[in-house]
Amino acid sequence: MNFWESELGEVTGAKDDAFAKDVYKTIPDGTMALAKIDSFVNAEYDGFKYLSIEWALIDGEFKGRKVQQKLKVFGGSHYDKDSAKTRHRALNMLKLIYQLFSLSPSHRGEPTDHDLSVFCGKIAGLKIRETEPNVDGKQYNWVAEVHESRGFKSETGVAVVVKHDLHSEQGNLESAFSRNRAKVEDDFDLTDIPF
């Protein structure tokens, strides 16, 4: 084997091929891209069961990046407001995915990893969303929509930007002062607060 041959294509020495991509940066909100299912398995985290799909983007600006999709078909986690609604939506997404690829479940029980393996390699169009920053300031991507690949148009979305403006009613930072502004203003002058 020739040392300079790569299974991924021609070795060009071009900057775009040589420089590292920022793979830890979130994909902008609303990005639409074709993706291939790399894995579809049962998963569990902290006692919470779900189905996990790992999608690999195959076109667009973020080609090569991976995004995870959790299908909460066994019920929502403790973070979900309405577990039944979460499960209902997830079951509908699972059925939609079966229909997109003209497949149907082989039995009426919970899908096994073997049952889900038929999806590996299948291609669909995804709409990727971006979460708002959590308390640590981290953001994550999630799959909001899955579409038929035929005729699907890829496009880059717009990153979610959150500004924390303590002096504005429109600011995204919620506090006891912002929730009860009228009562607070009656009780004392907000400009007297030393911080």
C-alpha atoms as a PDB file:
ATOM      1  CA  MET A   1       0.000   0.000   0.000  1.00  0.00           C
ATOM      2  CA  ASN A   2       1.168   3.520  -0.850  1.00  0.00           C
ATOM      3  CA  PHE A   3       1.620   5.595   2.340  1.00  0.00           C
ATOM      4  CA  TRP A   4       0.156   8.688   0.614  1.00  0.00           C
ATOM      5  CA  GLU A   5      -3.138   7.027  -0.332  1.00  0.00           C
ATOM      6  CA  SER A   6      -6.164   7.761   1.840  1.00  0.00           C
ATOM      7  CA  GLU A   7      -9.392   5.779   1.874  1.00  0.00           C
ATOM      8  CA  LEU A   8     -11.256   9.125   2.051  1.00  0.00           C
ATOM      9  CA  GLY A   9      -9.990  10.477  -1.246  1.00  0.00           C
ATOM     10  CA  GLU A  10      -7.105  12.357  -2.819  1.00  0.00           C
ATOM     11  CA  VAL A  11      -4.498  13.847  -0.472  1.00  0.00           C
ATOM     12  CA  THR A  12      -4.303  17.444  -1.748  1.00  0.00           C
ATOM     13  CA  GLY A  13      -2.439  19.369   0.940  1.00  0.00           C
ATOM     14  CA  ALA A  14      -5.104  22.101   0.610  1.00  0.00           C
ATOM     15  CA  LYS A  15      -5.905  24.163   3.703  1.00  0.00           C
ATOM     16  CA  ASP A  16      -9.554  23.042   3.691  1.00  0.00           C
ATOM     17  CA  ASP A  17      -8.401  19.417   3.816  1.00  0.00           C
ATOM     18  CA  ALA A  18      -5.586  19.949   6.338  1.00  0.00           C
ATOM     19  CA  PHE A  19      -6.951  22.333   8.974  1.00  0.00           C
ATOM     20  CA  ALA A  20      -9.037  20.978  11.841  1.00  0.00           C
ATOM     21  CA  LYS A  21     -12.703  21.848  11.819  1.00  0.00           C
ATOM     22  CA  ASP A  22     -14.368  23.152  14.994  1.00  0.00           C
ATOM     23  CA  VAL A  23     -16.300  19.940  15.664  1.00  0.00           C
ATOM     24  CA  TYR A  24     -17.344  21.020  19.161  1.00  0.00           C
ATOM     25  CA  LYS A  25     -19.174  24.121  17.996  1.00  0.00           C
ATOM     26  CA  THR A  26     -22.920  23.602  17.739  1.00  0.00           C
ATOM     27  CA  ILE A  27     -24.557  23.458  14.340  1.00  0.00           C
ATOM     28  CA  PRO A  28     -26.636  26.652  13.821  1.00  0.00           C
ATOM     29  CA  ASP A  29     -30.339  26.500  14.654  1.00  0.00           C
ATOM     30  CA  GLY A  30     -32.585  25.574  11.745  1.00  0.00           C
ATOM     31  CA  THR A  31     -29.856  23.927   9.660  1.00  0.00           C
ATOM     32  CA  MET A  32     -31.273  21.508   7.084  1.00  0.00           C
ATOM     33  CA  ALA A  33     -29.005  18.695   5.867  1.00  0.00           C
ATOM     34  CA  LEU A  34     -29.075  15.202   4.425  1.00  0.00           C
ATOM     35  CA  ALA A  35     -27.855  12.600   6.898  1.00  0.00           C
ATOM     36  CA  LYS A  36     -27.202   8.873   7.056  1.00  0.00           C
ATOM     37  CA  ILE A  37     -28.089   6.697  10.058  1.00  0.00           C
ATOM     38  CA  ASP A  38     -24.826   5.364  11.497  1.00  0.00           C
ATOM     39  CA  SER A  39     -26.471   3.607  14.436  1.00  0.00           C
ATOM     40  CA  PHE A  40     -29.961   3.090  15.848  1.00  0.00           C
ATOM     41  CA  VAL A  41     -30.018   1.317  19.232  1.00  0.00           C
ATOM     42  CA  ASN A  42     -31.698   1.049  22.601  1.00  0.00           C
ATOM     43  CA  ALA A  43     -29.923   3.238  25.137  1.00  0.00           C
ATOM     44  CA  GLU A  44     -30.148   4.091  28.796  1.00  0.00           C
ATOM     45  CA  TYR A  45     -28.839   6.950  30.877  1.00  0.00           C
ATOM     46  CA  ASP A  46     -29.303   7.283  34.623  1.00  0.00           C
ATOM     47  CA  GLY A  47     -32.174   4.760  34.605  1.00  0.00           C
ATOM     48  CA  PHE A  48     -33.925   6.497  31.689  1.00  0.00           C
ATOM     49  CA  LYS A  49     -34.507   4.282  28.599  1.00  0.00           C
ATOM     50  CA  TYR A  50     -34.793   5.676  25.074  1.00  0.00           C
ATOM     51  CA  LEU A  51     -33.932   4.877  21.455  1.00  0.00           C
ATOM     52  CA  SER A  52     -30.793   6.594  20.173  1.00  0.00           C
ATOM     53  CA  ILE A  53     -30.120   7.448  16.536  1.00  0.00           C
ATOM     54  CA  GLU A  54     -26.697   8.697  15.485  1.00  0.00           C
ATOM     55  CA  TRP A  55     -26.954  10.621  12.222  1.00  0.00           C
ATOM     56  CA  ALA A  56     -23.880  11.532  10.117  1.00  0.00           C
ATOM     57  CA  LEU A  57     -24.400  14.628   7.950  1.00  0.00           C
ATOM     58  CA  ILE A  58     -23.519  13.844   4.339  1.00  0.00           C
ATOM     59  CA  ASP A  59     -23.884  17.256   2.716  1.00  0.00           C
ATOM     60  CA  GLY A  60     -23.944  20.956   3.434  1.00  0.00           C
ATOM     61  CA  GLU A  61     -21.579  23.119   5.440  1.00  0.00           C
ATOM     62  CA  PHE A  62     -21.398  20.606   8.305  1.00  0.00           C
ATOM     63  CA  LYS A  63     -20.769  17.475   6.232  1.00  0.00           C
ATOM     64  CA  GLY A  64     -19.103  14.812   8.350  1.00  0.00           C
ATOM     65  CA  ARG A  65     -20.507  16.055  11.663  1.00  0.00           C
ATOM     66  CA  LYS A  66     -22.709  13.783  13.751  1.00  0.00           C
ATOM     67  CA  VAL A  67     -25.891  14.603  15.586  1.00  0.00           C
ATOM     68  CA  GLN A  68     -27.827  12.487  18.086  1.00  0.00           C
ATOM     69  CA  GLN A  69     -31.573  11.970  18.188  1.00  0.00           C
ATOM     70  CA  LYS A  70     -33.273  10.588  21.299  1.00  0.00           C
ATOM     71  CA  LEU A  71     -36.666   8.978  20.855  1.00  0.00           C
ATOM     72  CA  LYS A  72     -38.297   8.830  24.289  1.00  0.00           C
ATOM     73  CA  VAL A  73     -40.640   5.986  23.299  1.00  0.00           C
ATOM     74  CA  PHE A  74     -40.611   4.524  26.815  1.00  0.00           C
ATOM     75  CA  GLY A  75     -41.731   7.808  28.420  1.00  0.00           C
ATOM     76  CA  GLY A  76     -40.143  11.103  29.284  1.00  0.00           C
ATOM     77  CA  SER A  77     -37.299  11.650  31.705  1.00  0.00           C
ATOM     78  CA  HIS A  78     -37.688  13.650  34.900  1.00  0.00           C
ATOM     79  CA  TYR A  79     -36.891  16.774  32.829  1.00  0.00           C
ATOM     80  CA  ASP A  80     -40.028  16.398  30.711  1.00  0.00           C
ATOM     81  CA  LYS A  81     -43.155  18.284  31.793  1.00  0.00           C
ATOM     82  CA  ASP A  82     -45.594  15.691  30.425  1.00  0.00           C
ATOM     83  CA  SER A  83     -44.200  12.166  30.085  1.00  0.00           C
ATOM     84  CA  ALA A  84     -47.263  10.866  28.207  1.00  0.00           C
ATOM     85  CA  LYS A  85     -47.073  13.686  25.639  1.00  0.00           C
ATOM     86  CA  THR A  86     -43.323  13.127  25.217  1.00  0.00           C
ATOM     87  CA  ARG A  87     -43.862   9.386  24.637  1.00  0.00           C
ATOM     88  CA  HIS A  88     -46.744  10.014  22.193  1.00  0.00           C
ATOM     89  CA  ARG A  89     -44.599  12.382  20.100  1.00  0.00           C
ATOM     90  CA  ALA A  90     -41.654   9.942  20.148  1.00  0.00           C
ATOM     91  CA  LEU A  91     -43.836   7.012  19.037  1.00  0.00           C
ATOM     92  CA  ASN A  92     -45.131   9.146  16.172  1.00  0.00           C
ATOM     93  CA  MET A  93     -41.554  10.055  15.174  1.00  0.00           C
ATOM     94  CA  LEU A  94     -40.566   6.367  15.229  1.00  0.00           C
ATOM     95  CA  LYS A  95     -43.551   5.450  13.046  1.00  0.00           C
ATOM     96  CA  LEU A  96     -42.749   8.342  10.670  1.00  0.00           C
ATOM     97  CA  ILE A  97     -39.173   7.027  10.324  1.00  0.00           C
ATOM     98  CA  TYR A  98     -40.487   3.535   9.559  1.00  0.00           C
ATOM     99  CA  GLN A  99     -42.811   5.019   6.917  1.00  0.00           C
ATOM    100  CA  LEU A 100     -40.066   7.182   5.343  1.00  0.00           C
ATOM    101  CA  PHE A 101     -38.079   4.067   4.550  1.00  0.00           C
ATOM    102  CA  SER A 102     -41.103   1.919   3.629  1.00  0.00           C
ATOM    103  CA  LEU A 103     -40.471  -0.418   6.550  1.00  0.00           C
ATOM    104  CA  SER A 104     -42.758  -1.788   9.240  1.00  0.00           C
ATOM    105  CA  PRO A 105     -42.065  -3.374  12.618  1.00  0.00           C
ATOM    106  CA  SER A 106     -41.757  -7.173  12.594  1.00  0.00           C
ATOM    107  CA  HIS A 107     -43.673  -7.509  15.891  1.00  0.00           C
ATOM    108  CA  ARG A 108     -45.757  -5.455  18.345  1.00  0.00           C
ATOM    109  CA  GLY A 109     -43.216  -5.536  21.189  1.00  0.00           C
ATOM    110  CA  GLU A 110     -40.455  -3.079  22.057  1.00  0.00           C
ATOM    111  CA  PRO A 111     -37.909  -2.818  19.229  1.00  0.00           C
ATOM    112  CA  THR A 112     -34.639  -4.670  19.796  1.00  0.00           C
ATOM    113  CA  ASP A 113     -31.265  -3.486  18.546  1.00  0.00           C
ATOM    114  CA  HIS A 114     -31.557  -6.171  15.868  1.00  0.00           C
ATOM    115  CA  ASP A 115     -34.961  -4.752  14.784  1.00  0.00           C
ATOM    116  CA  LEU A 116     -33.481  -1.236  14.563  1.00  0.00           C
ATOM    117  CA  SER A 117     -30.367  -2.323  12.655  1.00  0.00           C
ATOM    118  CA  VAL A 118     -32.384  -2.300   9.382  1.00  0.00           C
ATOM    119  CA  PHE A 119     -32.213   1.516   9.484  1.00  0.00           C
ATOM    120  CA  CYS A 120     -28.395   1.728   9.402  1.00  0.00           C
ATOM    121  CA  GLY A 121     -27.221   3.345   6.182  1.00  0.00           C
ATOM    122  CA  LYS A 122     -30.621   4.904   5.404  1.00  0.00           C
ATOM    123  CA  ILE A 123     -30.587   8.567   4.336  1.00  0.00           C
ATOM    124  CA  ALA A 124     -33.072  11.300   5.263  1.00  0.00           C
ATOM    125  CA  GLY A 125     -33.273  15.076   5.432  1.00  0.00           C
ATOM    126  CA  LEU A 126     -32.949  16.562   8.922  1.00  0.00           C
ATOM    127  CA  LYS A 127     -33.846  19.854  10.509  1.00  0.00           C
ATOM    128  CA  ILE A 128     -31.381  20.461  13.319  1.00  0.00           C
ATOM    129  CA  ARG A 129     -32.172  22.746  16.228  1.00  0.00           C
ATOM    130  CA  GLU A 130     -29.907  24.309  18.833  1.00  0.00           C
ATOM    131  CA  THR A 131     -30.723  24.556  22.527  1.00  0.00           C
ATOM    132  CA  GLU A 132     -30.380  27.776  24.446  1.00  0.00           C
ATOM    133  CA  PRO A 133     -27.356  27.807  26.765  1.00  0.00           C
ATOM    134  CA  ASN A 134     -27.781  25.791  29.962  1.00  0.00           C
ATOM    135  CA  VAL A 135     -26.619  27.015  33.380  1.00  0.00           C
ATOM    136  CA  ASP A 136     -23.016  26.185  32.394  1.00  0.00           C
ATOM    137  CA  GLY A 137     -23.374  28.157  29.143  1.00  0.00           C
ATOM    138  CA  LYS A 138     -23.258  25.016  26.976  1.00  0.00           C
ATOM    139  CA  GLN A 139     -25.485  24.484  23.957  1.00  0.00           C
ATOM    140  CA  TYR A 140     -26.433  21.268  22.209  1.00  0.00           C
ATOM    141  CA  ASN A 141     -27.975  20.181  18.923  1.00  0.00           C
ATOM    142  CA  TRP A 142     -31.050  18.014  18.521  1.00  0.00           C
ATOM    143  CA  VAL A 143     -32.996  16.638  15.577  1.00  0.00           C
ATOM    144  CA  ALA A 144     -36.356  18.401  15.293  1.00  0.00           C
ATOM    145  CA  GLU A 145     -37.623  16.986  11.981  1.00  0.00           C
ATOM    146  CA  VAL A 146     -36.905  14.032   9.693  1.00  0.00           C
ATOM    147  CA  HIS A 147     -37.901  14.265   5.991  1.00  0.00           C
ATOM    148  CA  GLU A 148     -37.704  12.191   2.836  1.00  0.00           C
ATOM    149  CA  SER A 149     -34.315  12.639   1.156  1.00  0.00           C
ATOM    150  CA  ARG A 150     -35.655  12.972  -2.390  1.00  0.00           C
ATOM    151  CA  GLY A 151     -35.826  16.665  -3.294  1.00  0.00           C
ATOM    152  CA  PHE A 152     -34.558  17.761   0.137  1.00  0.00           C
ATOM    153  CA  LYS A 153     -32.705  21.090   0.082  1.00  0.00           C
ATOM    154  CA  SER A 154     -29.831  21.683   2.489  1.00  0.00           C
ATOM    155  CA  GLU A 155     -29.291  25.089   4.081  1.00  0.00           C
ATOM    156  CA  THR A 156     -27.355  26.504   6.993  1.00  0.00           C
ATOM    157  CA  GLY A 157     -29.379  27.913   9.861  1.00  0.00           C
ATOM    158  CA  VAL A 158     -28.654  30.820  12.194  1.00  0.00           C
ATOM    159  CA  ALA A 159     -26.942  30.357  15.564  1.00  0.00           C
ATOM    160  CA  VAL A 160     -28.968  31.021  18.695  1.00  0.00           C
ATOM    161  CA  VAL A 161     -27.562  34.109  20.391  1.00  0.00           C
ATOM    162  CA  VAL A 162     -28.619  34.862  23.923  1.00  0.00           C
ATOM    163  CA  LYS A 163     -28.031  38.285  25.420  1.00  0.00           C
ATOM    164  CA  HIS A 164     -28.407  38.811  29.131  1.00  0.00           C
ATOM    165  CA  ASP A 165     -29.544  42.381  29.686  1.00  0.00           C
ATOM    166  CA  LEU A 166     -30.377  42.982  33.317  1.00  0.00           C
ATOM    167  CA  HIS A 167     -31.896  46.387  32.550  1.00  0.00           C
ATOM    168  CA  SER A 168     -34.377  45.237  29.950  1.00  0.00           C
ATOM    169  CA  GLU A 169     -37.771  43.581  30.257  1.00  0.00           C
ATOM    170  CA  GLN A 170     -36.875  41.759  27.018  1.00  0.00           C
ATOM    171  CA  GLY A 171     -33.708  40.216  28.532  1.00  0.00           C
ATOM    172  CA  ASN A 172     -33.612  36.440  28.717  1.00  0.00           C
ATOM    173  CA  LEU A 173     -32.439  36.307  32.320  1.00  0.00           C
ATOM    174  CA  GLU A 174     -35.425  35.647  34.527  1.00  0.00           C
ATOM    175  CA  SER A 175     -35.341  36.623  38.177  1.00  0.00           C
ATOM    176  CA  ALA A 176     -37.730  37.372  40.993  1.00  0.00           C
ATOM    177  CA  PHE A 177     -37.442  41.051  40.025  1.00  0.00           C
ATOM    178  CA  SER A 178     -38.438  40.462  36.389  1.00  0.00           C
ATOM    179  CA  ARG A 179     -41.348  38.150  37.306  1.00  0.00           C
ATOM    180  CA  ASN A 180     -42.748  40.566  39.880  1.00  0.00           C
ATOM    181  CA  ARG A 181     -41.606  43.927  38.512  1.00  0.00           C
ATOM    182  CA  ALA A 182     -44.814  45.819  39.365  1.00  0.00           C
ATOM    183  CA  LYS A 183     -44.742  44.716  43.009  1.00  0.00           C
ATOM    184  CA  VAL A 184     -41.013  45.418  43.297  1.00  0.00           C
ATOM    185  CA  GLU A 185     -41.384  48.927  41.866  1.00  0.00           C
ATOM    186  CA  ASP A 186     -44.134  49.668  44.386  1.00  0.00           C
ATOM    187  CA  ASP A 187     -41.982  48.487  47.297  1.00  0.00           C
ATOM    188  CA  PHE A 188     -38.706  50.275  46.499  1.00  0.00           C
ATOM    189  CA  ASP A 189     -36.671  52.010  43.824  1.00  0.00           C
ATOM    190  CA  LEU A 190     -34.673  49.522  41.722  1.00  0.00           C
ATOM    191  CA  THR A 191     -31.982  52.116  41.032  1.00  0.00           C
ATOM    192  CA  ASP A 192     -31.018  52.040  44.742  1.00  0.00           C
ATOM    193  CA  ILE A 193     -29.777  48.443  44.501  1.00  0.00           C
ATOM    194  CA  PRO A 194     -25.947  48.596  44.876  1.00  0.00           C
ATOM    195  CA  PHE A 195     -25.232  45.730  42.478  1.00  0.00           C
END
